[in-house]
Amino acid sequence: MTELSFASLQEGKPVRIEVNGTPVCVARIGAEVFAVADTCTHSDAALSEGEISGFKIECWLHGAEFDLRTGQALTLPAVEALEVFDVEMNEDVITVNEKTGEK
């Protein structure tokens, strides 16, 4: 479990955190916060260095896109989904928990 403040997240700017030693990409879209594995399933690139458009994040290395809500790979060259992490919001405190198991 890792906590951070909602105010510390900029709209559409992904950040990297660690949850029990696992790199996680956290992104704020409007009033929602999403957390997915920070490593692209196509290559060993950090998604937190990528660009966000709508609910999609694009890997900076080869352009694969993923849905931040579900972790699903949306474009090639990625075909495998990202792991999704559970996000809880309590006023300004965001808690990112262990993986939910979705892929």
Protein backbone atom coordinates (compact mmCIF):
# COMPACT_ATOMS: atom_id res chain seq x y z
CA MET A 1 0.00 0.00 0.00
CA THR A 2 1.24 3.46 -0.90
CA GLU A 3 -0.41 6.79 -0.17
CA LEU A 4 -0.16 10.11 -1.95
CA SER A 5 -2.23 13.27 -2.08
CA PHE A 6 -4.72 14.00 -4.85
CA ALA A 7 -3.38 17.58 -5.02
CA SER A 8 0.11 16.26 -5.84
CA LEU A 9 -1.16 14.70 -9.09
CA GLN A 10 -1.35 16.91 -12.17
CA GLU A 11 -4.14 16.24 -14.64
CA GLY A 12 -2.86 14.01 -17.45
CA LYS A 13 0.71 13.75 -16.06
CA PRO A 14 1.58 10.18 -15.06
CA VAL A 15 3.82 9.55 -12.06
CA ARG A 16 5.76 6.52 -10.91
CA ILE A 17 5.38 5.17 -7.39
CA GLU A 18 6.23 1.85 -5.80
CA VAL A 19 3.77 -0.48 -4.11
CA ASN A 20 5.64 -3.09 -2.08
CA GLY A 21 8.62 -2.78 -4.41
CA THR A 22 6.57 -2.95 -7.63
CA PRO A 23 6.72 0.06 -10.00
CA VAL A 24 3.25 1.50 -10.57
CA CYS A 25 2.09 4.25 -12.95
CA VAL A 26 -0.52 6.55 -11.37
CA ALA A 27 -2.56 8.97 -13.46
CA ARG A 28 -5.25 11.54 -12.67
CA ILE A 29 -7.98 12.05 -15.24
CA GLY A 30 -10.49 14.64 -14.01
CA ALA A 31 -11.61 13.59 -10.53
CA GLU A 32 -10.54 9.96 -11.07
CA VAL A 33 -7.20 8.30 -10.35
CA PHE A 34 -5.95 5.13 -12.03
CA ALA A 35 -2.99 2.87 -11.27
CA VAL A 36 -1.46 0.29 -13.62
CA ALA A 37 1.86 -1.52 -13.82
CA ASP A 38 4.54 0.98 -14.85
CA THR A 39 6.29 -1.39 -17.25
CA CYS A 40 5.02 -1.71 -20.83
CA THR A 41 4.09 -5.32 -21.63
CA HIS A 42 5.78 -5.04 -25.03
CA SER A 43 9.16 -3.75 -23.85
CA ASP A 44 10.83 -2.82 -20.61
CA ALA A 45 9.87 0.88 -20.82
CA ALA A 46 8.37 2.99 -18.02
CA LEU A 47 4.83 4.03 -18.91
CA SER A 48 5.07 6.90 -16.42
CA GLU A 49 7.30 8.58 -19.01
CA GLY A 50 4.56 8.29 -21.65
CA GLU A 51 1.76 10.57 -22.83
CA ILE A 52 -1.88 10.49 -21.72
CA SER A 53 -4.80 11.17 -24.05
CA GLY A 54 -8.28 10.67 -22.66
CA PHE A 55 -8.16 7.41 -20.70
CA LYS A 56 -5.21 6.07 -22.72
CA ILE A 57 -1.51 6.08 -21.96
CA GLU A 58 1.03 5.70 -24.75
CA CYS A 59 4.40 4.05 -24.22
CA TRP A 60 7.12 6.49 -25.22
CA LEU A 61 9.35 3.78 -26.71
CA HIS A 62 7.25 2.07 -29.40
CA GLY A 63 3.85 3.79 -29.21
CA ALA A 64 1.75 0.99 -27.70
CA GLU A 65 -1.40 2.34 -26.03
CA PHE A 66 -3.19 1.01 -22.95
CA ASP A 67 -6.53 1.78 -21.32
CA LEU A 68 -5.83 3.21 -17.85
CA ARG A 69 -9.21 1.98 -16.57
CA THR A 70 -8.78 -1.68 -17.51
CA GLY A 71 -5.10 -2.13 -18.38
CA GLN A 72 -6.08 -3.55 -21.80
CA ALA A 73 -3.59 -3.18 -24.65
CA LEU A 74 -5.27 -1.04 -27.31
CA THR A 75 -2.65 -0.90 -30.05
CA LEU A 76 0.27 -2.88 -31.34
CA PRO A 77 3.00 -3.68 -30.68
CA ALA A 78 1.57 -4.52 -27.23
CA VAL A 79 -0.85 -7.45 -27.05
CA GLU A 80 -0.77 -8.23 -23.32
CA ALA A 81 -2.74 -6.19 -20.77
CA LEU A 82 -1.19 -4.31 -17.87
CA GLU A 83 -1.83 -5.29 -14.28
CA VAL A 84 -4.34 -2.98 -12.60
CA PHE A 85 -3.96 -1.76 -9.02
CA ASP A 86 -6.76 -0.90 -6.61
CA VAL A 87 -7.11 2.85 -5.94
CA GLU A 88 -9.03 4.23 -2.95
CA MET A 89 -9.75 7.92 -2.45
CA ASN A 90 -10.56 9.48 0.91
CA GLU A 91 -10.79 13.25 0.49
CA ASP A 92 -7.25 14.30 -0.55
CA VAL A 93 -5.58 10.97 0.33
CA ILE A 94 -5.16 8.39 -2.43
CA THR A 95 -4.19 4.85 -1.45
CA VAL A 96 -2.82 2.47 -4.08
CA ASN A 97 -3.09 -1.15 -2.96
CA GLU A 98 -1.85 -4.49 -4.21
CA LYS A 99 -2.88 -5.70 -7.63
CA THR A 100 -6.56 -6.46 -8.14
CA GLY A 101 -5.70 -9.42 -10.31
CA GLU A 102 -7.28 -7.93 -13.45
CA LYS A 103 -5.32 -8.22 -16.64
